[in-house]
Amino acid sequence: MKKKPATTSGDPEFRHPYRTPHLDFWLDGKVTEGGNVTLILDDKYAEFRVGCSEFAVLAVLIQEAKSSAPAWMPRGFLTTPQLQQELNKIKTAVINTRRLARFIHNIRNLLKKHAERKFGVQDGRQWAFEVLETADRGYRLSIPPKQLRLILRK
């Protein structure tokens, strides 16, 4: 019988490490109006505006990342139905799968554009997919929770 190597595989963050561990991600605004995203990487930063739907998606993902999950579960992942359910709680319009995919696409396009312009990232599309990760478990912002900031204004 083979002996398993000693690892930290019981640690959910070991199995699903953050893809952008050095990025700070700040979101400030209102669900009804949208808001500002500030990205800080090393000594560079990018700031841009997102609409209310994209703001809502990002706010829900940040809240999930900062919530306490069971010790065995990686933080921050929401399946499409879970994300839709959370968005439907805070948005007046029903968010179907096609609209949610459009919002995710819009967010990634903004991340790509600003990563290439402000951070000099060669493949901004790939970088955007690393920041806003898609996996079997769903979507998540692949950033450690302590580097996520959310300011929801009334």
N, C-alpha and C. Protein backbone atom coordinates (compact mmCIF):
# COMPACT_ATOMS: atom_id res chain seq x y z
N MET A 1 0.83 -1.18 0.00
CA MET A 1 0.00 0.00 0.00
C MET A 1 0.88 1.25 0.00
N LYS A 2 0.54 2.18 -0.92
CA LYS A 2 1.31 3.41 -1.03
C LYS A 2 0.96 4.36 0.10
N LYS A 3 1.99 4.98 0.63
CA LYS A 3 1.77 5.97 1.67
C LYS A 3 1.57 7.34 1.02
N LYS A 4 0.56 8.07 1.47
CA LYS A 4 0.29 9.40 0.92
C LYS A 4 1.35 10.37 1.42
N PRO A 5 1.83 11.25 0.54
CA PRO A 5 2.79 12.26 0.99
C PRO A 5 2.12 13.24 1.95
N ALA A 6 2.90 13.74 2.86
CA ALA A 6 2.38 14.74 3.81
C ALA A 6 2.16 16.05 3.08
N THR A 7 0.94 16.52 3.09
CA THR A 7 0.60 17.81 2.47
C THR A 7 -0.39 18.53 3.36
N THR A 8 -0.73 19.70 2.92
CA THR A 8 -1.78 20.44 3.61
C THR A 8 -3.07 20.33 2.81
N SER A 9 -3.27 19.17 2.17
CA SER A 9 -4.43 19.00 1.30
C SER A 9 -5.76 19.10 2.04
N GLY A 10 -5.73 19.03 3.37
CA GLY A 10 -6.94 19.25 4.13
C GLY A 10 -7.33 20.72 4.16
N ASP A 11 -6.40 21.59 3.80
CA ASP A 11 -6.63 23.03 3.78
C ASP A 11 -7.27 23.39 2.44
N PRO A 12 -8.50 23.93 2.45
CA PRO A 12 -9.17 24.24 1.19
C PRO A 12 -8.43 25.26 0.33
N GLU A 13 -7.66 26.15 0.96
CA GLU A 13 -6.93 27.14 0.17
C GLU A 13 -5.72 26.50 -0.52
N PHE A 14 -5.25 25.36 -0.02
CA PHE A 14 -4.17 24.64 -0.69
C PHE A 14 -4.69 24.05 -1.99
N ARG A 15 -5.90 23.50 -1.95
CA ARG A 15 -6.49 22.89 -3.15
C ARG A 15 -6.98 23.93 -4.14
N HIS A 16 -7.31 25.10 -3.66
CA HIS A 16 -7.81 26.18 -4.53
C HIS A 16 -7.07 27.47 -4.16
N PRO A 17 -5.78 27.54 -4.47
CA PRO A 17 -5.02 28.75 -4.09
C PRO A 17 -5.54 29.97 -4.84
N TYR A 18 -5.33 31.11 -4.23
CA TYR A 18 -5.71 32.36 -4.89
C TYR A 18 -4.77 32.62 -6.05
N ARG A 19 -5.34 32.96 -7.19
CA ARG A 19 -4.54 33.16 -8.41
C ARG A 19 -3.90 34.54 -8.47
N THR A 20 -4.46 35.48 -7.74
CA THR A 20 -3.91 36.84 -7.73
C THR A 20 -3.70 37.28 -6.28
N PRO A 21 -2.74 36.65 -5.58
CA PRO A 21 -2.59 36.91 -4.15
C PRO A 21 -2.00 38.27 -3.80
N HIS A 22 -1.46 38.99 -4.77
CA HIS A 22 -0.83 40.29 -4.48
C HIS A 22 -1.68 41.48 -4.88
N LEU A 23 -2.90 41.20 -5.30
CA LEU A 23 -3.80 42.26 -5.76
C LEU A 23 -4.72 42.71 -4.63
N ASP A 24 -4.87 44.02 -4.48
CA ASP A 24 -5.89 44.58 -3.60
C ASP A 24 -7.04 45.03 -4.49
N PHE A 25 -8.26 44.75 -4.06
CA PHE A 25 -9.45 45.03 -4.86
C PHE A 25 -10.44 45.75 -3.97
N TRP A 26 -10.77 47.00 -4.32
CA TRP A 26 -11.69 47.81 -3.54
C TRP A 26 -12.90 48.15 -4.39
N LEU A 27 -14.06 48.06 -3.80
CA LEU A 27 -15.31 48.37 -4.47
C LEU A 27 -16.08 49.35 -3.59
N ASP A 28 -16.50 50.47 -4.18
CA ASP A 28 -17.15 51.53 -3.42
C ASP A 28 -18.31 52.08 -4.24
N GLY A 29 -19.53 52.01 -3.70
CA GLY A 29 -20.66 52.58 -4.43
C GLY A 29 -21.99 52.07 -3.93
N LYS A 30 -22.99 52.17 -4.81
CA LYS A 30 -24.36 51.77 -4.50
C LYS A 30 -24.82 50.73 -5.52
N VAL A 31 -25.61 49.79 -5.05
CA VAL A 31 -26.16 48.78 -5.95
C VAL A 31 -27.07 49.44 -6.99
N THR A 32 -27.75 50.51 -6.62
CA THR A 32 -28.68 51.18 -7.52
C THR A 32 -28.01 52.11 -8.53
N GLU A 33 -26.75 52.45 -8.29
CA GLU A 33 -26.06 53.42 -9.16
C GLU A 33 -24.74 52.92 -9.74
N GLY A 34 -24.22 51.83 -9.22
CA GLY A 34 -22.89 51.39 -9.62
C GLY A 34 -21.85 52.02 -8.71
N GLY A 35 -20.61 51.92 -9.11
CA GLY A 35 -19.57 52.48 -8.26
C GLY A 35 -18.19 52.37 -8.85
N ASN A 36 -17.20 52.55 -8.00
CA ASN A 36 -15.81 52.57 -8.43
C ASN A 36 -15.08 51.32 -7.97
N VAL A 37 -14.23 50.82 -8.86
CA VAL A 37 -13.32 49.72 -8.54
C VAL A 37 -11.92 50.32 -8.50
N THR A 38 -11.19 50.00 -7.46
CA THR A 38 -9.78 50.39 -7.37
C THR A 38 -8.97 49.10 -7.24
N LEU A 39 -8.01 48.95 -8.13
CA LEU A 39 -7.09 47.81 -8.10
C LEU A 39 -5.72 48.32 -7.74
N ILE A 40 -5.06 47.65 -6.81
CA ILE A 40 -3.71 48.04 -6.42
C ILE A 40 -2.82 46.82 -6.55
N LEU A 41 -1.77 46.96 -7.35
CA LEU A 41 -0.82 45.87 -7.57
C LEU A 41 0.58 46.46 -7.45
N ASP A 42 1.30 46.01 -6.43
CA ASP A 42 2.62 46.56 -6.12
C ASP A 42 2.47 48.06 -5.88
N ASP A 43 3.14 48.90 -6.66
CA ASP A 43 3.05 50.34 -6.46
C ASP A 43 2.19 51.02 -7.53
N LYS A 44 1.42 50.23 -8.27
CA LYS A 44 0.56 50.77 -9.33
C LYS A 44 -0.90 50.57 -8.96
N TYR A 45 -1.73 51.46 -9.48
CA TYR A 45 -3.16 51.28 -9.24
C TYR A 45 -3.96 51.66 -10.47
N ALA A 46 -5.14 51.09 -10.55
CA ALA A 46 -6.09 51.40 -11.62
C ALA A 46 -7.43 51.66 -10.97
N GLU A 47 -8.14 52.63 -11.50
CA GLU A 47 -9.46 52.97 -10.99
C GLU A 47 -10.41 53.08 -12.16
N PHE A 48 -11.59 52.49 -12.02
CA PHE A 48 -12.59 52.58 -13.08
C PHE A 48 -13.98 52.41 -12.49
N ARG A 49 -14.95 52.81 -13.28
CA ARG A 49 -16.35 52.78 -12.86
C ARG A 49 -17.02 51.54 -13.42
N VAL A 50 -17.95 50.96 -12.64
CA VAL A 50 -18.78 49.85 -13.11
C VAL A 50 -20.25 50.23 -12.94
N GLY A 51 -21.07 49.68 -13.82
CA GLY A 51 -22.50 49.93 -13.73
C GLY A 51 -23.13 49.18 -12.56
N CYS A 52 -24.42 49.44 -12.34
CA CYS A 52 -25.07 48.87 -11.17
C CYS A 52 -25.13 47.34 -11.18
N SER A 53 -25.31 46.73 -12.34
CA SER A 53 -25.38 45.26 -12.39
C SER A 53 -24.02 44.63 -12.11
N GLU A 54 -22.97 45.17 -12.72
CA GLU A 54 -21.62 44.65 -12.48
C GLU A 54 -21.21 44.92 -11.03
N PHE A 55 -21.60 46.08 -10.51
CA PHE A 55 -21.32 46.40 -9.11
C PHE A 55 -21.96 45.36 -8.20
N ALA A 56 -23.21 45.01 -8.48
CA ALA A 56 -23.92 44.04 -7.65
C ALA A 56 -23.23 42.68 -7.67
N VAL A 57 -22.80 42.23 -8.85
CA VAL A 57 -22.09 40.95 -8.96
C VAL A 57 -20.83 40.99 -8.11
N LEU A 58 -20.04 42.04 -8.25
CA LEU A 58 -18.78 42.15 -7.49
C LEU A 58 -19.05 42.24 -5.99
N ALA A 59 -20.08 42.98 -5.60
CA ALA A 59 -20.40 43.11 -4.17
C ALA A 59 -20.77 41.76 -3.57
N VAL A 60 -21.57 40.99 -4.29
CA VAL A 60 -21.97 39.66 -3.80
C VAL A 60 -20.75 38.75 -3.68
N LEU A 61 -19.86 38.79 -4.67
CA LEU A 61 -18.66 37.95 -4.63
C LEU A 61 -17.73 38.36 -3.48
N ILE A 62 -17.61 39.64 -3.22
CA ILE A 62 -16.78 40.10 -2.10
C ILE A 62 -17.41 39.66 -0.78
N GLN A 63 -18.70 39.83 -0.65
CA GLN A 63 -19.37 39.42 0.59
C GLN A 63 -19.20 37.91 0.82
N GLU A 64 -19.30 37.13 -0.22
CA GLU A 64 -19.12 35.68 -0.08
C GLU A 64 -17.69 35.34 0.32
N ALA A 65 -16.72 36.03 -0.27
CA ALA A 65 -15.31 35.77 0.06
C ALA A 65 -15.01 36.10 1.51
N LYS A 66 -15.70 37.10 2.04
CA LYS A 66 -15.44 37.53 3.42
C LYS A 66 -16.31 36.79 4.44
N SER A 67 -17.27 35.99 3.95
CA SER A 67 -18.13 35.26 4.88
C SER A 67 -17.37 34.07 5.47
N SER A 68 -17.86 33.60 6.58
CA SER A 68 -17.21 32.44 7.18
C SER A 68 -17.79 31.18 6.56
N ALA A 69 -16.92 30.42 5.95
CA ALA A 69 -17.31 29.16 5.34
C ALA A 69 -16.83 28.02 6.22
N PRO A 70 -17.43 26.84 6.08
CA PRO A 70 -16.91 25.69 6.84
C PRO A 70 -15.43 25.49 6.54
N ALA A 71 -14.69 25.00 7.51
CA ALA A 71 -13.24 24.87 7.38
C ALA A 71 -12.82 24.04 6.17
N TRP A 72 -13.63 23.10 5.75
CA TRP A 72 -13.27 22.20 4.65
C TRP A 72 -13.55 22.82 3.28
N MET A 73 -14.23 23.95 3.26
CA MET A 73 -14.70 24.52 2.00
C MET A 73 -13.89 25.75 1.59
N PRO A 74 -13.43 25.79 0.32
CA PRO A 74 -12.73 26.99 -0.14
C PRO A 74 -13.67 28.20 -0.10
N ARG A 75 -13.13 29.33 0.24
CA ARG A 75 -13.94 30.55 0.36
C ARG A 75 -14.24 31.18 -0.99
N GLY A 76 -15.39 31.83 -1.03
CA GLY A 76 -15.69 32.75 -2.11
C GLY A 76 -16.39 32.19 -3.32
N PHE A 77 -16.50 30.89 -3.47
CA PHE A 77 -17.13 30.33 -4.67
C PHE A 77 -18.64 30.38 -4.57
N LEU A 78 -19.28 30.83 -5.65
CA LEU A 78 -20.73 30.78 -5.77
C LEU A 78 -21.06 30.17 -7.13
N THR A 79 -21.93 29.18 -7.12
CA THR A 79 -22.39 28.61 -8.39
C THR A 79 -23.27 29.64 -9.09
N THR A 80 -23.56 29.40 -10.35
CA THR A 80 -24.43 30.32 -11.09
C THR A 80 -25.78 30.47 -10.40
N PRO A 81 -26.46 29.36 -10.02
CA PRO A 81 -27.75 29.55 -9.33
C PRO A 81 -27.62 30.29 -7.99
N GLN A 82 -26.56 30.04 -7.24
CA GLN A 82 -26.37 30.75 -5.97
C GLN A 82 -26.15 32.24 -6.21
N LEU A 83 -25.33 32.56 -7.20
CA LEU A 83 -25.06 33.96 -7.52
C LEU A 83 -26.34 34.65 -8.00
N GLN A 84 -27.11 33.97 -8.84
CA GLN A 84 -28.38 34.52 -9.30
C GLN A 84 -29.33 34.77 -8.12
N GLN A 85 -29.39 33.82 -7.21
CA GLN A 85 -30.26 33.95 -6.05
C GLN A 85 -29.87 35.16 -5.20
N GLU A 86 -28.58 35.35 -4.97
CA GLU A 86 -28.12 36.49 -4.19
C GLU A 86 -28.39 37.80 -4.92
N LEU A 87 -28.17 37.82 -6.23
CA LEU A 87 -28.43 39.03 -7.00
C LEU A 87 -29.91 39.37 -7.02
N ASN A 88 -30.75 38.35 -7.13
CA ASN A 88 -32.19 38.59 -7.16
C ASN A 88 -32.69 39.16 -5.84
N LYS A 89 -31.96 38.95 -4.75
CA LYS A 89 -32.34 39.52 -3.45
C LYS A 89 -32.10 41.03 -3.42
N ILE A 90 -31.09 41.49 -4.16
CA ILE A 90 -30.73 42.91 -4.07
C ILE A 90 -31.08 43.72 -5.32
N LYS A 91 -31.40 43.05 -6.41
CA LYS A 91 -31.76 43.74 -7.64
C LYS A 91 -33.27 43.59 -7.87
N THR A 92 -33.87 44.57 -8.51
CA THR A 92 -35.30 44.49 -8.78
C THR A 92 -35.58 43.60 -9.99
N ALA A 93 -34.71 43.58 -10.97
CA ALA A 93 -34.90 42.73 -12.15
C ALA A 93 -34.38 41.32 -11.87
N VAL A 94 -35.06 40.34 -12.43
CA VAL A 94 -34.62 38.95 -12.28
C VAL A 94 -33.38 38.74 -13.16
N ILE A 95 -32.37 38.12 -12.60
CA ILE A 95 -31.11 37.90 -13.30
C ILE A 95 -31.11 36.47 -13.82
N ASN A 96 -31.24 36.30 -15.14
CA ASN A 96 -31.17 34.95 -15.70
C ASN A 96 -29.72 34.60 -16.05
N THR A 97 -29.49 33.38 -16.45
CA THR A 97 -28.13 32.89 -16.72
C THR A 97 -27.45 33.70 -17.82
N ARG A 98 -28.16 34.04 -18.86
CA ARG A 98 -27.57 34.80 -19.97
C ARG A 98 -27.14 36.20 -19.53
N ARG A 99 -27.98 36.86 -18.74
CA ARG A 99 -27.63 38.20 -18.23
C ARG A 99 -26.44 38.13 -17.29
N LEU A 100 -26.42 37.12 -16.42
CA LEU A 100 -25.30 36.96 -15.51
C LEU A 100 -24.00 36.76 -16.28
N ALA A 101 -24.04 35.93 -17.32
CA ALA A 101 -22.85 35.71 -18.15
C ALA A 101 -22.39 37.03 -18.79
N ARG A 102 -23.32 37.87 -19.19
CA ARG A 102 -22.99 39.17 -19.78
C ARG A 102 -22.31 40.06 -18.74
N PHE A 103 -22.81 40.08 -17.53
CA PHE A 103 -22.21 40.91 -16.47
C PHE A 103 -20.78 40.45 -16.18
N ILE A 104 -20.57 39.13 -16.10
CA ILE A 104 -19.23 38.58 -15.86
C ILE A 104 -18.31 38.97 -17.01
N HIS A 105 -18.80 38.86 -18.23
CA HIS A 105 -18.02 39.23 -19.42
C HIS A 105 -17.63 40.72 -19.36
N ASN A 106 -18.57 41.58 -19.00
CA ASN A 106 -18.29 43.02 -18.91
C ASN A 106 -17.22 43.31 -17.86
N ILE A 107 -17.33 42.64 -16.70
CA ILE A 107 -16.34 42.85 -15.64
C ILE A 107 -14.96 42.42 -16.12
N ARG A 108 -14.88 41.26 -16.76
CA ARG A 108 -13.58 40.77 -17.25
C ARG A 108 -13.00 41.69 -18.32
N ASN A 109 -13.84 42.24 -19.16
CA ASN A 109 -13.34 43.18 -20.17
C ASN A 109 -12.74 44.43 -19.52
N LEU A 110 -13.39 44.93 -18.48
CA LEU A 110 -12.84 46.09 -17.77
C LEU A 110 -11.52 45.73 -17.08
N LEU A 111 -11.47 44.57 -16.44
CA LEU A 111 -10.23 44.13 -15.80
C LEU A 111 -9.11 43.99 -16.82
N LYS A 112 -9.41 43.40 -17.96
CA LYS A 112 -8.42 43.22 -19.03
C LYS A 112 -7.86 44.56 -19.49
N LYS A 113 -8.75 45.47 -19.80
CA LYS A 113 -8.35 46.79 -20.31
C LYS A 113 -7.43 47.52 -19.33
N HIS A 114 -7.82 47.52 -18.08
CA HIS A 114 -7.04 48.27 -17.08
C HIS A 114 -5.75 47.56 -16.69
N ALA A 115 -5.75 46.24 -16.73
CA ALA A 115 -4.52 45.49 -16.42
C ALA A 115 -3.46 45.76 -17.49
N GLU A 116 -3.89 45.80 -18.73
CA GLU A 116 -2.94 46.05 -19.82
C GLU A 116 -2.44 47.49 -19.79
N ARG A 117 -3.34 48.44 -19.56
CA ARG A 117 -2.96 49.86 -19.56
C ARG A 117 -2.17 50.28 -18.33
N LYS A 118 -2.64 49.88 -17.16
CA LYS A 118 -2.07 50.40 -15.92
C LYS A 118 -0.97 49.52 -15.33
N PHE A 119 -1.10 48.19 -15.51
CA PHE A 119 -0.14 47.28 -14.89
C PHE A 119 0.85 46.69 -15.89
N GLY A 120 0.65 46.95 -17.18
CA GLY A 120 1.54 46.40 -18.19
C GLY A 120 1.43 44.90 -18.37
N VAL A 121 0.27 44.34 -18.04
CA VAL A 121 0.05 42.90 -18.19
C VAL A 121 -0.01 42.58 -19.68
N GLN A 122 0.74 41.57 -20.11
CA GLN A 122 0.78 41.21 -21.52
C GLN A 122 -0.53 40.58 -21.99
N ASP A 123 -1.03 39.62 -21.24
CA ASP A 123 -2.27 38.94 -21.60
C ASP A 123 -3.36 39.33 -20.61
N GLY A 124 -3.97 40.46 -20.86
CA GLY A 124 -4.99 40.99 -19.95
C GLY A 124 -6.20 40.09 -19.83
N ARG A 125 -6.54 39.38 -20.90
CA ARG A 125 -7.68 38.47 -20.86
C ARG A 125 -7.43 37.35 -19.86
N GLN A 126 -6.26 36.74 -19.93
CA GLN A 126 -5.91 35.67 -19.00
C GLN A 126 -5.89 36.19 -17.56
N TRP A 127 -5.32 37.37 -17.39
CA TRP A 127 -5.25 37.97 -16.05
C TRP A 127 -6.66 38.20 -15.50
N ALA A 128 -7.57 38.68 -16.35
CA ALA A 128 -8.95 38.92 -15.92
C ALA A 128 -9.61 37.62 -15.48
N PHE A 129 -9.32 36.52 -16.18
CA PHE A 129 -9.86 35.22 -15.81
C PHE A 129 -9.24 34.71 -14.51
N GLU A 130 -8.04 35.14 -14.21
CA GLU A 130 -7.42 34.76 -12.94
C GLU A 130 -8.01 35.56 -11.78
N VAL A 131 -8.33 36.81 -12.02
CA VAL A 131 -8.94 37.65 -10.97
C VAL A 131 -10.37 37.18 -10.70
N LEU A 132 -11.17 37.07 -11.75
CA LEU A 132 -12.55 36.59 -11.63
C LEU A 132 -12.57 35.16 -12.15
N GLU A 133 -12.32 34.26 -11.23
CA GLU A 133 -12.10 32.85 -11.54
C GLU A 133 -13.43 32.12 -11.78
N THR A 134 -13.38 31.17 -12.70
CA THR A 134 -14.49 30.25 -12.92
C THR A 134 -13.95 28.85 -12.72
N ALA A 135 -14.63 28.08 -11.90
CA ALA A 135 -14.22 26.70 -11.63
C ALA A 135 -15.47 25.84 -11.48
N ASP A 136 -15.26 24.56 -11.24
CA ASP A 136 -16.40 23.66 -11.03
C ASP A 136 -17.30 24.14 -9.91
N ARG A 137 -16.71 24.79 -8.93
CA ARG A 137 -17.48 25.27 -7.77
C ARG A 137 -18.23 26.56 -8.08
N GLY A 138 -17.94 27.20 -9.19
CA GLY A 138 -18.63 28.44 -9.55
C GLY A 138 -17.65 29.57 -9.80
N TYR A 139 -18.10 30.78 -9.50
CA TYR A 139 -17.30 31.99 -9.68
C TYR A 139 -16.74 32.43 -8.33
N ARG A 140 -15.59 33.10 -8.38
CA ARG A 140 -15.07 33.79 -7.20
C ARG A 140 -14.04 34.83 -7.63
N LEU A 141 -13.86 35.82 -6.78
CA LEU A 141 -12.73 36.73 -6.94
C LEU A 141 -11.55 36.00 -6.30
N SER A 142 -10.56 35.70 -7.10
CA SER A 142 -9.43 34.88 -6.64
C SER A 142 -8.37 35.75 -5.98
N ILE A 143 -8.80 36.39 -4.90
CA ILE A 143 -7.99 37.34 -4.13
C ILE A 143 -8.21 37.01 -2.66
N PRO A 144 -7.16 36.99 -1.85
CA PRO A 144 -7.37 36.72 -0.42
C PRO A 144 -8.38 37.72 0.19
N PRO A 145 -9.28 37.24 1.04
CA PRO A 145 -10.32 38.11 1.61
C PRO A 145 -9.80 39.36 2.30
N LYS A 146 -8.64 39.29 2.92
CA LYS A 146 -8.12 40.47 3.63
C LYS A 146 -7.74 41.59 2.66
N GLN A 147 -7.64 41.30 1.38
CA GLN A 147 -7.29 42.31 0.38
C GLN A 147 -8.51 42.80 -0.41
N LEU A 148 -9.67 42.38 0.02
CA LEU A 148 -10.93 42.84 -0.59
C LEU A 148 -11.57 43.87 0.31
N ARG A 149 -12.01 44.97 -0.27
CA ARG A 149 -12.70 46.02 0.49
C ARG A 149 -14.03 46.32 -0.21
N LEU A 150 -15.06 46.42 0.58
CA LEU A 150 -16.39 46.73 0.03
C LEU A 150 -17.00 47.84 0.87
N ILE A 151 -17.35 48.93 0.19
CA ILE A 151 -18.07 50.03 0.84
C ILE A 151 -19.39 50.17 0.10
N LEU A 152 -20.48 49.77 0.78
CA LEU A 152 -21.81 49.90 0.23
C LEU A 152 -22.45 51.18 0.76
N ARG A 153 -22.71 52.08 -0.13
CA ARG A 153 -23.30 53.38 0.26
C ARG A 153 -24.82 53.28 0.19
N LYS A 154 -25.47 54.05 1.02
CA LYS A 154 -26.95 54.07 1.06
C LYS A 154 -27.50 55.02 0.04
